[in-house]
N, C-alpha and C. Protein backbone atom coordinates (compact mmCIF):
# COMPACT_ATOMS: atom_id res chain seq x y z
N MET A 1 66.84 -58.91 -7.30
CA MET A 1 64.89 -57.63 -8.31
C MET A 1 64.34 -58.29 -6.39
N ASP A 2 63.20 -57.03 -6.86
CA ASP A 2 62.74 -56.73 -5.24
C ASP A 2 60.89 -57.17 -5.73
N LYS A 3 60.65 -57.52 -5.20
CA LYS A 3 58.80 -58.72 -6.07
C LYS A 3 58.05 -57.94 -6.33
N VAL A 4 57.65 -56.00 -5.89
CA VAL A 4 56.82 -55.18 -6.64
C VAL A 4 58.12 -54.92 -7.98
N LEU A 5 58.80 -55.29 -8.47
CA LEU A 5 59.37 -55.32 -9.46
C LEU A 5 59.16 -56.06 -10.01
N LEU A 6 59.13 -57.31 -10.31
CA LEU A 6 58.80 -58.63 -10.52
C LEU A 6 57.71 -58.45 -10.99
N LEU A 7 57.10 -58.12 -9.81
CA LEU A 7 55.49 -57.91 -9.95
C LEU A 7 54.59 -57.75 -11.05
N LYS A 8 55.11 -56.22 -11.19
CA LYS A 8 55.22 -55.19 -11.92
C LYS A 8 55.94 -56.14 -13.91
N LYS A 9 56.92 -56.72 -13.98
CA LYS A 9 57.43 -56.94 -14.62
C LYS A 9 55.64 -58.66 -15.45
N LEU A 10 55.66 -59.21 -14.32
CA LEU A 10 55.25 -59.92 -14.70
C LEU A 10 54.10 -59.69 -15.91
N GLU A 11 52.86 -58.40 -14.76
CA GLU A 11 51.72 -57.53 -15.45
C GLU A 11 51.84 -57.22 -16.16
N GLU A 12 53.15 -56.50 -16.86
CA GLU A 12 54.09 -55.89 -18.03
C GLU A 12 53.27 -57.32 -19.31
N GLU A 13 53.98 -58.65 -18.77
CA GLU A 13 54.88 -59.23 -19.87
C GLU A 13 52.77 -60.08 -20.15
N ILE A 14 52.21 -59.90 -19.64
CA ILE A 14 50.20 -60.27 -19.37
C ILE A 14 50.00 -59.23 -19.97
N SER A 15 50.34 -57.91 -20.15
CA SER A 15 49.45 -57.24 -20.55
C SER A 15 49.38 -56.86 -22.50
N GLN A 16 51.45 -57.08 -22.27
CA GLN A 16 51.20 -57.22 -24.02
C GLN A 16 50.98 -58.45 -25.21
N ASN A 17 51.17 -59.79 -24.37
CA ASN A 17 50.38 -60.82 -24.28
C ASN A 17 48.58 -60.68 -25.15
N LYS A 18 48.82 -60.26 -26.89
CA LYS A 18 47.57 -60.31 -27.17
C LYS A 18 47.21 -62.30 -27.34
N ASN A 19 47.87 -63.46 -27.25
CA ASN A 19 47.18 -64.53 -27.70
C ASN A 19 46.68 -65.24 -26.38
N ILE A 20 46.85 -64.94 -25.85
CA ILE A 20 45.85 -64.47 -23.97
C ILE A 20 44.32 -64.36 -24.38
N PRO A 21 43.47 -64.83 -24.44
CA PRO A 21 42.03 -64.95 -24.13
C PRO A 21 41.11 -63.22 -23.19
N LEU A 22 39.88 -63.25 -23.87
CA LEU A 22 39.63 -62.16 -23.38
C LEU A 22 40.09 -60.93 -23.38
N ILE A 23 39.59 -59.84 -23.63
CA ILE A 23 39.92 -58.29 -24.05
C ILE A 23 40.05 -57.28 -23.04
N SER A 24 38.77 -57.81 -22.51
CA SER A 24 38.75 -56.41 -20.79
C SER A 24 40.33 -55.95 -19.71
N ASN A 25 40.10 -55.29 -19.40
CA ASN A 25 41.26 -54.50 -18.55
C ASN A 25 42.07 -55.60 -17.94
N LEU A 26 42.69 -55.66 -17.71
CA LEU A 26 43.47 -56.73 -17.06
C LEU A 26 43.94 -55.84 -15.08
N VAL A 27 43.22 -56.99 -14.52
CA VAL A 27 42.97 -56.91 -13.41
C VAL A 27 44.33 -58.10 -12.23
N PHE A 28 45.07 -57.31 -12.47
CA PHE A 28 46.37 -57.95 -11.74
C PHE A 28 46.42 -58.56 -10.41
N GLY A 29 45.72 -57.90 -9.69
CA GLY A 29 46.62 -58.48 -8.16
C GLY A 29 46.08 -56.80 -7.53
N GLU A 30 46.78 -57.23 -6.39
CA GLU A 30 46.54 -56.09 -4.97
C GLU A 30 47.22 -56.55 -4.36
N GLY A 31 47.70 -55.82 -3.59
CA GLY A 31 48.32 -56.38 -2.04
C GLY A 31 48.92 -56.06 -1.29
N ASN A 32 49.77 -56.81 -0.51
CA ASN A 32 51.85 -56.93 0.01
C ASN A 32 51.57 -57.72 -0.81
N PRO A 33 52.79 -57.24 -1.32
CA PRO A 33 53.72 -58.80 -1.88
C PRO A 33 54.58 -59.27 -1.33
N ASP A 34 54.77 -58.72 -0.26
CA ASP A 34 56.18 -59.90 1.17
C ASP A 34 54.56 -60.80 2.36
N CYS A 35 53.73 -60.97 2.40
CA CYS A 35 52.59 -60.84 2.57
C CYS A 35 52.87 -63.22 2.63
N GLU A 36 52.53 -63.13 4.01
CA GLU A 36 51.63 -64.63 3.97
C GLU A 36 50.98 -64.86 3.83
N VAL A 37 49.77 -63.79 3.52
CA VAL A 37 48.45 -64.33 2.71
C VAL A 37 48.11 -64.29 1.65
N LEU A 38 48.24 -65.55 0.44
CA LEU A 38 47.21 -65.01 -0.37
C LEU A 38 45.73 -65.79 -1.28
N PHE A 39 45.46 -64.94 -0.93
CA PHE A 39 43.95 -65.13 -1.07
C PHE A 39 43.30 -64.79 -3.41
N ILE A 40 42.83 -65.99 -3.93
CA ILE A 40 43.24 -66.17 -4.65
C ILE A 40 41.26 -66.49 -5.20
N GLY A 41 41.45 -65.18 -6.33
CA GLY A 41 39.11 -65.77 -7.19
C GLY A 41 39.70 -66.13 -8.31
N GLU A 42 38.58 -66.52 -8.69
CA GLU A 42 37.96 -66.89 -9.95
C GLU A 42 38.59 -66.12 -10.97
N ALA A 43 37.39 -64.54 -11.22
CA ALA A 43 38.39 -63.30 -12.77
C ALA A 43 37.45 -62.83 -12.27
N PRO A 44 37.93 -61.55 -12.86
CA PRO A 44 36.98 -59.90 -12.05
C PRO A 44 36.22 -60.45 -12.31
N GLY A 45 34.74 -59.43 -11.92
CA GLY A 45 33.86 -59.20 -12.86
C GLY A 45 33.74 -57.99 -12.62
N ALA A 46 31.73 -57.67 -13.14
CA ALA A 46 32.14 -56.14 -13.73
C ALA A 46 32.97 -54.57 -13.51
N ILE A 47 32.46 -54.68 -11.42
CA ILE A 47 33.00 -53.69 -11.06
C ILE A 47 34.35 -53.95 -10.92
N GLU A 48 35.28 -54.88 -10.97
CA GLU A 48 36.47 -54.96 -11.07
C GLU A 48 36.54 -55.02 -11.77
N ASP A 49 36.42 -54.98 -13.52
CA ASP A 49 36.77 -54.94 -14.78
C ASP A 49 37.23 -53.34 -14.70
N GLN A 50 35.79 -52.09 -13.97
CA GLN A 50 35.45 -51.21 -14.36
C GLN A 50 36.78 -50.10 -13.95
N GLN A 51 36.91 -50.63 -12.46
CA GLN A 51 38.54 -50.09 -11.60
C GLN A 51 39.23 -50.15 -12.20
N ILE A 52 39.58 -52.05 -12.69
CA ILE A 52 40.83 -52.02 -12.60
C ILE A 52 41.41 -52.41 -10.64
N ARG A 53 41.24 -53.56 -10.69
CA ARG A 53 41.38 -53.59 -8.47
C ARG A 53 40.28 -54.92 -8.53
N PRO A 54 41.21 -55.87 -7.96
CA PRO A 54 40.56 -57.17 -7.51
C PRO A 54 39.49 -57.58 -6.51
N PHE A 55 38.16 -57.66 -6.42
CA PHE A 55 37.08 -58.15 -5.36
C PHE A 55 37.35 -56.53 -4.44
N VAL A 56 36.26 -56.05 -6.07
CA VAL A 56 35.35 -54.11 -5.20
C VAL A 56 34.11 -54.44 -4.83
N GLY A 57 33.53 -55.38 -5.56
CA GLY A 57 32.03 -56.23 -5.68
C GLY A 57 31.81 -56.67 -4.77
N ARG A 58 30.06 -56.16 -4.12
CA ARG A 58 29.76 -57.09 -2.87
C ARG A 58 30.73 -58.10 -2.48
N SER A 59 31.26 -59.57 -3.59
CA SER A 59 32.57 -59.71 -3.44
C SER A 59 33.18 -59.96 -2.26
N GLY A 60 33.86 -58.68 -2.62
CA GLY A 60 35.03 -58.74 -2.68
C GLY A 60 34.84 -57.03 -1.12
N GLN A 61 33.56 -56.63 -1.07
CA GLN A 61 33.44 -56.09 0.14
C GLN A 61 33.88 -57.09 1.22
N LEU A 62 32.75 -58.10 1.06
CA LEU A 62 32.38 -59.21 1.75
C LEU A 62 34.11 -60.44 2.34
N LEU A 63 35.06 -60.54 1.22
CA LEU A 63 35.91 -60.77 1.44
C LEU A 63 36.88 -59.74 2.28
N ARG A 64 37.07 -58.21 2.37
CA ARG A 64 37.73 -57.60 2.57
C ARG A 64 37.34 -57.27 4.51
N LYS A 65 35.66 -56.83 4.97
CA LYS A 65 35.56 -57.11 5.48
C LYS A 65 36.00 -58.35 6.39
N SER A 66 35.80 -59.20 5.72
CA SER A 66 36.21 -60.89 6.34
C SER A 66 37.28 -60.15 6.96
N ILE A 67 38.18 -60.32 5.99
CA ILE A 67 39.75 -60.21 6.35
C ILE A 67 39.79 -59.20 8.05
N ARG A 68 39.19 -58.23 7.73
CA ARG A 68 39.45 -57.20 8.96
C ARG A 68 38.63 -57.57 10.49
N GLN A 69 37.50 -58.73 10.02
CA GLN A 69 36.84 -58.87 10.82
C GLN A 69 38.33 -59.92 11.84
N ILE A 70 39.12 -60.92 11.80
CA ILE A 70 39.95 -61.29 12.32
C ILE A 70 41.17 -61.04 12.01
N ASN A 71 40.72 -59.29 12.29
CA ASN A 71 41.82 -58.24 13.07
C ASN A 71 43.17 -58.89 11.94
N TRP A 72 43.40 -58.72 10.93
CA TRP A 72 44.35 -58.45 9.65
C TRP A 72 44.39 -58.02 8.88
N LYS A 73 44.99 -56.84 8.05
CA LYS A 73 44.91 -55.95 7.49
C LYS A 73 44.85 -56.73 5.82
N GLU A 74 44.20 -55.70 5.68
CA GLU A 74 43.92 -55.53 3.86
C GLU A 74 45.47 -55.25 3.21
N GLU A 75 45.51 -54.41 3.53
CA GLU A 75 47.19 -54.19 3.40
C GLU A 75 48.21 -55.24 3.11
N ASP A 76 47.44 -56.28 4.56
CA ASP A 76 48.31 -57.28 5.15
C ASP A 76 48.92 -58.77 3.82
N VAL A 77 47.52 -58.91 2.77
CA VAL A 77 47.47 -60.23 2.41
C VAL A 77 47.43 -59.33 0.65
N TYR A 78 47.49 -59.97 -0.31
CA TYR A 78 47.54 -60.14 -1.74
C TYR A 78 46.75 -60.98 -2.33
N ILE A 79 45.45 -59.81 -2.42
CA ILE A 79 44.39 -60.90 -3.51
C ILE A 79 44.45 -60.13 -5.04
N THR A 80 44.35 -61.74 -5.78
CA THR A 80 44.01 -61.99 -7.25
C THR A 80 43.36 -63.03 -7.85
N ASN A 81 43.81 -63.17 -9.16
CA ASN A 81 42.47 -64.32 -9.43
C ASN A 81 43.68 -65.03 -11.21
N ILE A 82 42.46 -66.13 -10.98
CA ILE A 82 43.41 -66.92 -11.66
C ILE A 82 43.45 -66.28 -12.96
N VAL A 83 41.98 -65.76 -13.44
CA VAL A 83 41.83 -65.57 -14.59
C VAL A 83 42.42 -63.93 -14.78
N LYS A 84 42.79 -63.11 -15.25
CA LYS A 84 43.11 -61.92 -15.24
C LYS A 84 41.53 -61.00 -15.48
N ARG A 85 41.69 -61.60 -16.26
CA ARG A 85 40.30 -59.65 -17.43
C ARG A 85 38.78 -60.97 -17.02
N ARG A 86 38.11 -60.54 -17.24
CA ARG A 86 36.82 -59.98 -17.44
C ARG A 86 36.29 -61.28 -17.64
N PRO A 87 35.78 -62.45 -17.58
CA PRO A 87 34.63 -62.97 -19.38
C PRO A 87 33.36 -62.68 -18.52
N PRO A 88 32.88 -62.85 -20.50
CA PRO A 88 32.14 -61.80 -20.22
C PRO A 88 30.73 -62.21 -19.57
N GLU A 89 29.39 -60.98 -19.55
CA GLU A 89 28.28 -61.05 -18.22
C GLU A 89 28.81 -62.11 -17.66
N ASN A 90 29.92 -61.79 -17.05
CA ASN A 90 30.76 -62.70 -15.34
C ASN A 90 30.55 -64.24 -15.76
N ARG A 91 30.56 -64.33 -16.99
CA ARG A 91 30.58 -66.38 -16.60
C ARG A 91 31.60 -66.98 -16.23
N ASP A 92 31.23 -68.22 -15.77
CA ASP A 92 32.43 -68.85 -15.38
C ASP A 92 33.02 -69.17 -16.56
N PRO A 93 35.01 -68.45 -15.61
CA PRO A 93 36.00 -68.80 -17.40
C PRO A 93 35.89 -70.14 -17.55
N LEU A 94 36.18 -70.28 -18.61
CA LEU A 94 36.67 -71.32 -19.49
C LEU A 94 37.36 -72.30 -19.42
N PRO A 95 37.78 -73.40 -19.48
CA PRO A 95 39.53 -74.31 -18.90
C PRO A 95 40.64 -73.81 -19.92
N GLU A 96 40.21 -73.33 -21.20
CA GLU A 96 40.76 -72.91 -22.09
C GLU A 96 41.74 -71.14 -21.01
N GLU A 97 40.60 -70.80 -20.58
CA GLU A 97 41.30 -69.53 -20.64
C GLU A 97 42.12 -69.33 -18.77
N ILE A 98 41.42 -70.40 -18.17
CA ILE A 98 42.12 -70.59 -17.34
C ILE A 98 43.58 -71.41 -17.40
N LEU A 99 43.61 -72.56 -18.76
CA LEU A 99 44.82 -72.37 -19.21
C LEU A 99 46.28 -71.99 -19.32
N ALA A 100 45.19 -70.49 -20.41
CA ALA A 100 45.73 -69.44 -20.99
C ALA A 100 47.25 -68.85 -19.17
N TYR A 101 46.51 -68.45 -18.50
CA TYR A 101 46.93 -67.93 -17.91
C TYR A 101 47.47 -68.65 -16.82
N LYS A 102 47.64 -69.85 -16.30
CA LYS A 102 48.29 -70.62 -15.15
C LYS A 102 49.59 -70.42 -14.99
N PRO A 103 50.62 -69.73 -16.39
CA PRO A 103 51.57 -69.91 -16.22
C PRO A 103 52.42 -68.61 -15.34
N TYR A 104 51.18 -67.53 -15.74
CA TYR A 104 51.45 -65.57 -14.92
C TYR A 104 51.08 -66.24 -14.01
N LEU A 105 49.54 -67.05 -12.82
CA LEU A 105 49.82 -67.07 -12.12
C LEU A 105 50.92 -67.47 -11.27
N THR A 106 50.94 -68.79 -12.20
CA THR A 106 51.99 -69.51 -10.80
C THR A 106 53.89 -69.01 -10.53
N ARG A 107 53.83 -67.89 -11.43
CA ARG A 107 55.21 -67.31 -11.42
C ARG A 107 54.58 -66.25 -9.71
N GLN A 108 52.93 -65.96 -10.47
CA GLN A 108 52.77 -64.69 -9.50
C GLN A 108 52.57 -65.29 -7.86
N ILE A 109 52.90 -66.54 -7.85
CA ILE A 109 53.40 -67.18 -6.99
C ILE A 109 53.99 -67.46 -6.31
N GLU A 110 54.59 -67.69 -7.39
CA GLU A 110 56.47 -68.00 -6.36
C GLU A 110 57.07 -66.25 -6.30
N ILE A 111 56.84 -65.39 -7.11
CA ILE A 111 57.55 -64.19 -5.91
C ILE A 111 57.13 -64.15 -5.74
N ILE A 112 55.66 -63.66 -4.61
CA ILE A 112 55.42 -62.98 -3.62
C ILE A 112 55.78 -64.24 -2.77
N ASN A 113 54.98 -65.92 -2.63
CA ASN A 113 55.96 -66.78 -1.80
C ASN A 113 55.64 -66.61 -0.26
N PRO A 114 53.79 -66.89 -0.38
CA PRO A 114 53.33 -66.78 0.81
C PRO A 114 52.95 -67.77 1.43
N LYS A 115 53.09 -68.37 2.72
CA LYS A 115 52.49 -69.22 3.56
C LYS A 115 51.22 -69.70 3.70
N ILE A 116 50.37 -69.58 3.49
CA ILE A 116 49.22 -70.24 2.93
C ILE A 116 48.62 -69.76 1.29
N ILE A 117 47.33 -70.05 1.18
CA ILE A 117 47.51 -69.68 -0.37
C ILE A 117 45.89 -69.52 -0.26
N VAL A 118 44.94 -69.70 -0.04
CA VAL A 118 43.42 -69.31 -0.04
C VAL A 118 42.59 -68.80 -1.22
N PRO A 119 42.08 -70.84 -1.41
CA PRO A 119 41.49 -70.17 -3.54
C PRO A 119 40.46 -70.38 -2.81
N LEU A 120 39.70 -68.62 -3.38
CA LEU A 120 37.97 -68.29 -3.10
C LEU A 120 37.39 -69.02 -4.36
N GLY A 121 36.29 -70.42 -3.88
CA GLY A 121 35.75 -71.05 -4.73
C GLY A 121 36.47 -72.04 -5.48
N ARG A 122 35.27 -72.84 -6.16
CA ARG A 122 35.64 -74.00 -6.09
C ARG A 122 37.07 -74.11 -7.93
N PHE A 123 36.59 -72.94 -8.98
CA PHE A 123 37.67 -72.91 -10.08
C PHE A 123 39.35 -72.99 -8.95
N SER A 124 38.81 -71.89 -8.34
CA SER A 124 40.81 -71.97 -7.78
C SER A 124 41.69 -72.75 -6.59
N MET A 125 40.07 -73.65 -6.23
CA MET A 125 40.26 -74.99 -5.38
C MET A 125 40.96 -75.50 -6.15
N ASN A 126 40.53 -75.68 -7.34
CA ASN A 126 41.32 -76.93 -8.24
C ASN A 126 42.16 -76.96 -9.17
N TYR A 127 42.63 -75.66 -9.29
CA TYR A 127 44.06 -75.54 -9.59
C TYR A 127 44.86 -75.70 -8.81
N PHE A 128 44.76 -75.74 -7.35
CA PHE A 128 45.56 -76.74 -7.00
C PHE A 128 45.60 -77.71 -6.28
N LEU A 129 44.22 -78.10 -6.55
CA LEU A 129 43.29 -79.34 -5.42
C LEU A 129 42.62 -79.79 -7.12
N PRO A 130 43.06 -80.34 -7.85
CA PRO A 130 41.92 -81.52 -8.70
C PRO A 130 40.50 -82.65 -8.89
N ASN A 131 40.83 -83.00 -7.62
CA ASN A 131 40.17 -83.95 -7.22
C ASN A 131 39.10 -83.08 -5.81
N ALA A 132 39.71 -81.72 -5.33
CA ALA A 132 38.65 -82.02 -4.47
C ALA A 132 36.97 -81.31 -4.62
N LYS A 133 36.35 -81.06 -3.92
CA LYS A 133 34.65 -80.72 -3.73
C LYS A 133 35.07 -79.68 -2.79
N ILE A 134 34.86 -78.35 -3.34
CA ILE A 134 34.04 -77.34 -2.55
C ILE A 134 33.30 -77.44 -1.00
N THR A 135 32.56 -77.99 -1.31
CA THR A 135 31.77 -78.35 0.05
C THR A 135 32.36 -79.34 0.89
N ARG A 136 33.25 -80.61 0.45
CA ARG A 136 33.92 -81.41 0.95
C ARG A 136 34.63 -80.56 1.95
N ASP A 137 35.67 -79.57 1.51
CA ASP A 137 37.06 -79.95 1.51
C ASP A 137 37.10 -78.17 1.72
N GLN A 138 36.29 -77.60 1.43
CA GLN A 138 36.49 -76.18 1.88
C GLN A 138 36.30 -75.79 3.85
N GLY A 139 37.37 -74.85 3.19
CA GLY A 139 37.59 -74.68 5.02
C GLY A 139 38.77 -75.73 6.51
N LYS A 140 39.50 -76.58 5.48
CA LYS A 140 40.30 -77.29 5.64
C LYS A 140 42.04 -77.11 4.84
N LEU A 141 42.91 -77.49 5.90
CA LEU A 141 44.23 -77.35 5.32
C LEU A 141 44.99 -78.50 4.22
N PHE A 142 45.23 -77.76 3.79
CA PHE A 142 46.07 -79.10 2.12
C PHE A 142 47.67 -78.72 2.37
N LYS A 143 48.16 -79.65 1.40
CA LYS A 143 50.07 -79.10 1.37
C LYS A 143 49.34 -80.40 -0.47
N ALA A 144 49.22 -78.60 -1.26
CA ALA A 144 49.65 -79.00 -2.74
C ALA A 144 50.46 -78.74 -3.36
N GLY A 145 51.97 -79.61 -3.75
CA GLY A 145 53.00 -79.10 -3.70
C GLY A 145 53.84 -78.31 -2.87
N ASN A 146 54.33 -77.14 -3.43
CA ASN A 146 55.09 -76.86 -1.69
C ASN A 146 54.26 -75.66 -1.50
N TRP A 147 53.06 -75.34 -1.62
CA TRP A 147 52.43 -74.26 -1.12
C TRP A 147 51.25 -75.38 0.22
N PHE A 148 50.94 -74.72 1.10
CA PHE A 148 49.59 -74.90 1.87
C PHE A 148 48.38 -74.23 1.42
N VAL A 149 47.79 -75.26 1.53
CA VAL A 149 46.39 -73.89 0.47
C VAL A 149 44.75 -74.69 1.70
N ALA A 150 44.20 -73.29 1.75
CA ALA A 150 43.51 -73.28 2.46
C ALA A 150 41.82 -72.73 1.68
N PRO A 151 40.99 -73.81 1.19
CA PRO A 151 40.19 -73.49 0.28
C PRO A 151 38.81 -72.54 1.06
N MET A 152 38.32 -71.96 0.20
CA MET A 152 36.77 -71.51 0.47
C MET A 152 36.22 -71.88 0.31
N PHE A 153 34.64 -71.27 0.60
CA PHE A 153 33.06 -70.99 -0.57
C PHE A 153 34.23 -69.03 -0.79
N HIS A 154 33.51 -68.95 -2.10
CA HIS A 154 33.64 -67.84 -2.91
C HIS A 154 32.83 -66.62 -2.36
N PRO A 155 33.08 -65.57 -1.43
CA PRO A 155 32.27 -65.02 -1.42
C PRO A 155 30.67 -64.28 -1.91
N SER A 156 31.02 -64.78 -3.22
CA SER A 156 29.90 -64.32 -3.66
C SER A 156 28.75 -65.76 -3.46
N ALA A 157 28.96 -66.64 -3.07
CA ALA A 157 28.57 -67.93 -2.81
C ALA A 157 27.94 -67.42 -1.37
N ALA A 158 28.29 -67.01 -0.59
CA ALA A 158 28.51 -66.56 0.87
C ALA A 158 27.56 -65.81 0.53
N LEU A 159 26.76 -65.03 -0.21
CA LEU A 159 26.45 -64.29 -0.76
C LEU A 159 24.35 -65.08 -0.55
N ARG A 160 24.47 -65.65 -1.28
CA ARG A 160 23.34 -66.48 -1.75
C ARG A 160 22.35 -67.26 -0.74
N GLY A 161 23.34 -66.50 0.57
CA GLY A 161 22.06 -68.27 1.69
C GLY A 161 22.77 -67.82 3.05
N THR A 162 22.09 -68.24 4.11
CA THR A 162 22.37 -67.91 5.34
C THR A 162 23.56 -69.26 5.50
N ILE A 163 23.33 -70.44 4.82
CA ILE A 163 24.26 -72.10 5.37
C ILE A 163 25.40 -71.43 4.77
N MET A 164 25.67 -71.07 3.91
CA MET A 164 27.17 -70.58 2.82
C MET A 164 27.61 -69.84 4.09
N MET A 165 27.05 -68.29 3.54
CA MET A 165 27.74 -67.70 4.76
C MET A 165 28.27 -67.85 5.99
N ASN A 166 27.50 -68.60 6.19
CA ASN A 166 28.12 -69.73 7.92
C ASN A 166 29.50 -70.11 7.81
N ALA A 167 29.02 -71.09 6.54
CA ALA A 167 30.33 -71.61 6.28
C ALA A 167 31.57 -70.82 5.84
N PHE A 168 31.58 -69.46 5.25
CA PHE A 168 32.54 -68.61 5.10
C PHE A 168 33.17 -68.26 6.43
N LEU A 169 32.10 -67.37 6.51
CA LEU A 169 32.93 -66.45 7.66
C LEU A 169 33.46 -67.60 8.75
N GLU A 170 33.01 -69.64 9.39
CA GLU A 170 33.60 -69.88 10.06
C GLU A 170 34.98 -70.81 9.42
N SER A 171 34.57 -70.57 8.32
CA SER A 171 36.18 -70.73 7.34
C SER A 171 37.33 -69.55 7.88
N PHE A 172 36.55 -69.10 7.66
CA PHE A 172 37.66 -67.66 7.16
C PHE A 172 38.20 -66.96 9.19
N LYS A 173 37.35 -67.78 9.51
CA LYS A 173 38.11 -67.54 11.39
C LYS A 173 39.40 -68.47 11.81
N LYS A 174 39.24 -69.76 10.94
CA LYS A 174 40.57 -70.51 10.97
C LYS A 174 41.43 -70.21 10.19
N LEU A 175 41.09 -69.55 9.83
CA LEU A 175 42.11 -68.62 8.73
C LEU A 175 44.19 -68.24 10.24
N PRO A 176 43.85 -67.53 11.13
CA PRO A 176 44.58 -67.45 11.44
C PRO A 176 44.96 -68.10 12.25
N THR A 177 44.72 -70.19 12.92
CA THR A 177 44.90 -70.49 13.61
C THR A 177 46.17 -71.59 12.77
N MET A 178 45.13 -71.38 11.89
CA MET A 178 45.76 -72.75 10.19
C MET A 178 47.36 -71.64 9.61
N LEU A 179 47.13 -70.31 9.99
CA LEU A 179 48.56 -69.56 10.00
C LEU A 179 49.64 -69.78 11.03
N LYS A 180 49.11 -69.66 12.16
CA LYS A 180 50.43 -70.27 12.62
C LYS A 180 50.13 -71.86 12.78
N LYS A 181 49.73 -72.86 12.74
CA LYS A 181 49.95 -74.46 12.78
C LYS A 181 51.94 -74.16 11.41
N ILE A 182 51.03 -74.00 10.20
CA ILE A 182 52.25 -73.29 9.37
C ILE A 182 53.67 -72.26 9.85
N LYS A 183 53.93 -71.76 10.18
CA LYS A 183 54.79 -71.22 11.37
C LYS A 183 55.68 -72.07 12.17
N GLU A 184 54.88 -72.17 12.84
CA GLU A 184 55.39 -73.71 13.27
C GLU A 184 55.49 -74.85 13.27
N LEU A 185 55.58 -75.15 12.36
CA LEU A 185 56.02 -76.36 11.49
C LEU A 185 57.78 -75.37 10.47
N GLY A 186 57.46 -74.73 9.85
CA GLY A 186 59.06 -74.07 9.99
C GLY A 186 58.92 -73.28 8.43
N LYS A 187 57.38 -72.69 8.11
CA LYS A 187 57.58 -71.96 6.48
C LYS A 187 57.39 -71.45 6.74
């Protein structure tokens, strides 16, 4: 079965599960299911909830601009979140919300099977690297289970100040080299 169909079935399964917390629109993810790079944020914000697309607000504009600045195309990557529905008032996702969506994210990752996963922010980073610290470990490449993981600051954090923005952009510039290294390892 092809990846597009598998992802569609997974999205339908999530939408029909009435036991999952949060009731806003389902923002499943978008992009190329045959991608090499998978970006994973925390949860949709208000604009993402309205447009039913991930990373379309200010943070998303920075993410998408950064993708283009390293000569990648948005249509060549996949963008999603751990939690697929917006927490009220843009609060951080609660542990039980992350846990409820975890099996779905795991299946989404398995279907896409990227070469590298880029967790954006501490919540998505800790999904793969529970003992990591975003300030210490962002911009580095790790092996987490079957996956290569390169955590980065969340774009919303980068928008808060020059130091974070510079760190975010420097980490982003490393992604093509990291991907090349992974390919050389035969993944």
